[in-house]
């Protein structure tokens, strides 16, 4: 410190702390590090880091990005247990004009949409006065989200159980629609 109270830094080799004294026969840490060529360690560590990053990109980022960018969907085996259907509205007028939309979603075991599958609806009357509703196939082949769309109209009143199947495999869920 100077006489006016300002700290002054000194960069002299004598001012640098010296390592603690080692026990006799023990190598100092600095002497061990000096024996290892540090210039050889840096490229090896860099190569290992690059391989880890490359592995992560190849196994997760690139496939996810390709599916996202191309909006790719899975074509193949759907899971009847994971797939579902729903109707809207559940109650409609039996005037052959009001439509009930049936949406079927075909999903694989992981919950991803399965495209390119032909969906067939089946209607079973639970309580019916006469006839069955008419099915209009809006999009009977599943799209990239696994969705197929149908519409129903009816002149007959009653409760109807709607089921869906793909290639004879029945989706485990069903929906009941009422026409009044």
Protein backbone atom coordinates (compact mmCIF):
# COMPACT_ATOMS: atom_id res chain seq x y z
CA UNK A 1 0.00 0.00 0.00
CA UNK A 2 1.27 3.44 -0.81
CA UNK A 3 1.39 6.36 1.61
CA UNK A 4 -1.81 7.83 0.16
CA UNK A 5 -3.82 4.63 0.94
CA UNK A 6 -3.92 3.16 -2.61
CA UNK A 7 -3.21 -0.50 -3.06
CA UNK A 8 -0.45 -1.23 -5.48
CA UNK A 9 -0.18 -4.59 -7.23
CA UNK A 10 3.23 -6.02 -7.65
CA UNK A 11 4.00 -8.66 -10.25
CA UNK A 12 7.33 -9.94 -9.16
CA UNK A 13 8.13 -13.64 -9.07
CA UNK A 14 9.05 -13.27 -5.38
CA UNK A 15 5.50 -12.13 -4.56
CA UNK A 16 3.83 -15.25 -5.97
CA UNK A 17 2.95 -17.90 -3.39
CA UNK A 18 5.12 -20.92 -3.46
CA UNK A 19 3.51 -24.39 -3.25
CA UNK A 20 3.36 -26.02 0.15
CA UNK A 21 6.33 -28.14 1.00
CA UNK A 22 5.87 -31.78 0.07
CA UNK A 23 6.80 -34.77 2.14
CA UNK A 24 10.10 -36.34 1.28
CA UNK A 25 9.79 -38.77 -1.63
CA UNK A 26 6.40 -37.37 -2.75
CA UNK A 27 6.06 -35.75 -6.16
CA UNK A 28 4.49 -32.34 -6.28
CA UNK A 29 1.33 -31.84 -8.30
CA UNK A 30 3.09 -29.45 -10.58
CA UNK A 31 5.81 -31.97 -11.38
CA UNK A 32 3.18 -34.63 -12.28
CA UNK A 33 1.36 -32.17 -14.53
CA UNK A 34 4.60 -31.21 -16.17
CA UNK A 35 5.24 -34.86 -17.10
CA UNK A 36 1.85 -35.03 -18.96
CA UNK A 37 1.92 -33.20 -22.23
CA UNK A 38 -1.04 -30.85 -21.90
CA UNK A 39 -1.05 -30.21 -25.64
CA UNK A 40 -1.97 -33.87 -26.21
CA UNK A 41 -4.87 -33.81 -23.74
CA UNK A 42 -6.74 -30.90 -25.35
CA UNK A 43 -7.34 -32.59 -28.75
CA UNK A 44 -8.40 -35.85 -27.05
CA UNK A 45 -10.89 -34.04 -24.80
CA UNK A 46 -12.18 -32.11 -27.81
CA UNK A 47 -12.65 -35.32 -29.81
CA UNK A 48 -14.56 -36.98 -26.95
CA UNK A 49 -16.83 -33.94 -26.58
CA UNK A 50 -17.45 -33.88 -30.34
CA UNK A 51 -18.43 -37.57 -30.32
CA UNK A 52 -20.89 -37.03 -27.46
CA UNK A 53 -22.49 -34.08 -29.25
CA UNK A 54 -22.61 -35.98 -32.54
CA UNK A 55 -24.23 -38.99 -30.84
CA UNK A 56 -26.90 -36.75 -29.30
CA UNK A 57 -27.62 -35.07 -32.62
CA UNK A 58 -27.81 -38.33 -34.54
CA UNK A 59 -30.10 -40.06 -32.08
CA UNK A 60 -32.49 -37.35 -30.98
CA UNK A 61 -32.28 -33.95 -32.63
CA UNK A 62 -32.09 -34.96 -36.31
CA UNK A 63 -34.97 -37.51 -36.27
CA UNK A 64 -37.18 -35.14 -34.27
CA UNK A 65 -36.35 -32.27 -36.57
CA UNK A 66 -37.08 -34.33 -39.69
CA UNK A 67 -40.47 -35.40 -38.35
CA UNK A 68 -41.28 -31.81 -37.37
CA UNK A 69 -40.09 -30.18 -40.61
CA UNK A 70 -41.59 -32.74 -42.97
CA UNK A 71 -44.69 -33.33 -40.81
CA UNK A 72 -43.91 -37.01 -41.29
CA UNK A 73 -46.20 -39.53 -39.70
CA UNK A 74 -45.84 -43.19 -39.03
CA UNK A 75 -47.27 -45.57 -41.54
CA UNK A 76 -47.77 -48.98 -40.12
CA UNK A 77 -49.20 -50.78 -37.18
CA UNK A 78 -51.74 -48.99 -35.05
CA UNK A 79 -52.64 -49.92 -31.50
CA UNK A 80 -56.33 -50.72 -31.06
CA UNK A 81 -55.97 -50.01 -27.33
CA UNK A 82 -54.40 -46.54 -27.88
CA UNK A 83 -56.72 -45.50 -30.71
CA UNK A 84 -60.02 -43.78 -30.02
CA UNK A 85 -63.11 -42.19 -31.54
CA UNK A 86 -65.50 -39.47 -30.48
CA UNK A 87 -68.70 -37.91 -31.76
CA UNK A 88 -69.99 -34.37 -31.76
CA UNK A 89 -72.78 -33.72 -30.94
CA UNK A 90 -73.83 -36.84 -29.05
CA UNK A 91 -77.54 -36.00 -29.45
CA UNK A 92 -78.96 -34.81 -32.79
CA UNK A 93 -82.31 -34.35 -34.50
CA UNK A 94 -83.57 -37.28 -36.57
CA UNK A 95 -84.38 -35.03 -39.52
CA UNK A 96 -81.71 -36.29 -41.97
CA UNK A 97 -80.22 -32.78 -41.91
CA UNK A 98 -78.40 -32.36 -38.60
CA UNK A 99 -75.06 -34.11 -38.84
CA UNK A 100 -73.00 -35.85 -36.18
CA UNK A 101 -69.28 -35.82 -36.88
CA UNK A 102 -67.32 -38.97 -35.93
CA UNK A 103 -63.55 -38.50 -35.55
CA UNK A 104 -61.38 -41.61 -35.35
CA UNK A 105 -57.75 -41.31 -34.27
CA UNK A 106 -55.42 -44.22 -35.05
CA UNK A 107 -52.37 -44.18 -32.78
CA UNK A 108 -49.40 -46.50 -32.36
CA UNK A 109 -48.12 -47.82 -29.02
CA UNK A 110 -46.23 -44.58 -28.41
CA UNK A 111 -49.27 -42.38 -29.10
CA UNK A 112 -48.17 -41.15 -32.55
CA UNK A 113 -50.70 -40.89 -35.38
CA UNK A 114 -50.66 -43.71 -37.94
CA UNK A 115 -51.45 -42.56 -41.48
CA UNK A 116 -52.70 -44.35 -44.58
CA UNK A 117 -55.11 -46.75 -42.85
CA UNK A 118 -58.65 -47.30 -44.14
CA UNK A 119 -61.18 -46.96 -41.31
CA UNK A 120 -64.63 -48.56 -41.42
CA UNK A 121 -67.47 -47.55 -39.09
CA UNK A 122 -70.02 -50.04 -37.79
CA UNK A 123 -73.40 -49.02 -36.38
CA UNK A 124 -75.35 -51.20 -33.98
CA UNK A 125 -78.80 -50.09 -32.86
CA UNK A 126 -79.21 -50.13 -29.10
CA UNK A 127 -82.77 -48.84 -29.16
CA UNK A 128 -84.20 -47.92 -32.54
CA UNK A 129 -87.62 -47.20 -34.01
CA UNK A 130 -86.65 -48.00 -37.60
CA UNK A 131 -83.59 -48.02 -39.87
CA UNK A 132 -79.98 -47.03 -39.28
CA UNK A 133 -78.21 -43.68 -39.66
CA UNK A 134 -76.50 -43.00 -42.97
CA UNK A 135 -72.67 -42.80 -42.92
CA UNK A 136 -70.86 -40.21 -45.04
CA UNK A 137 -67.14 -40.89 -45.48
CA UNK A 138 -65.51 -37.46 -45.33
CA UNK A 139 -61.96 -38.81 -44.98
CA UNK A 140 -62.00 -42.59 -44.35
CA UNK A 141 -58.20 -42.99 -44.76
CA UNK A 142 -56.21 -41.74 -41.76
CA UNK A 143 -54.12 -38.61 -42.33
CA UNK A 144 -50.69 -37.69 -40.91
CA UNK A 145 -52.26 -37.21 -37.45
CA UNK A 146 -53.97 -40.61 -37.67
CA UNK A 147 -57.38 -38.94 -38.05
CA UNK A 148 -60.26 -40.25 -40.17
CA UNK A 149 -63.54 -38.29 -40.37
CA UNK A 150 -67.13 -39.39 -40.92
CA UNK A 151 -70.56 -37.79 -40.63
CA UNK A 152 -73.89 -39.39 -39.71
CA UNK A 153 -77.45 -38.31 -40.39
CA UNK A 154 -80.65 -40.17 -39.63
CA UNK A 155 -84.38 -40.13 -40.21
CA UNK A 156 -84.75 -42.81 -37.54
CA UNK A 157 -84.74 -41.95 -33.88
CA UNK A 158 -82.87 -44.09 -31.41
CA UNK A 159 -79.56 -44.79 -29.66
CA UNK A 160 -76.78 -46.11 -31.88
CA UNK A 161 -73.45 -47.64 -30.85
CA UNK A 162 -70.68 -46.57 -33.21
CA UNK A 163 -67.50 -48.65 -33.46
CA UNK A 164 -64.55 -48.45 -35.83
CA UNK A 165 -62.25 -51.07 -37.27
CA UNK A 166 -59.18 -51.17 -39.44
CA UNK A 167 -58.62 -54.29 -41.50
CA UNK A 168 -61.03 -56.21 -39.26
CA UNK A 169 -59.29 -55.10 -36.04
CA UNK A 170 -61.81 -53.36 -33.80
CA UNK A 171 -60.79 -50.22 -31.89
CA UNK A 172 -61.51 -50.95 -28.24
CA UNK A 173 -63.45 -47.71 -27.63
CA UNK A 174 -66.97 -47.03 -28.90
CA UNK A 175 -69.38 -44.11 -28.72
CA UNK A 176 -73.19 -43.94 -28.44
CA UNK A 177 -75.06 -41.36 -30.55
CA UNK A 178 -78.73 -40.52 -30.06
CA UNK A 179 -81.03 -39.25 -32.79
CA UNK A 180 -84.42 -37.83 -31.59
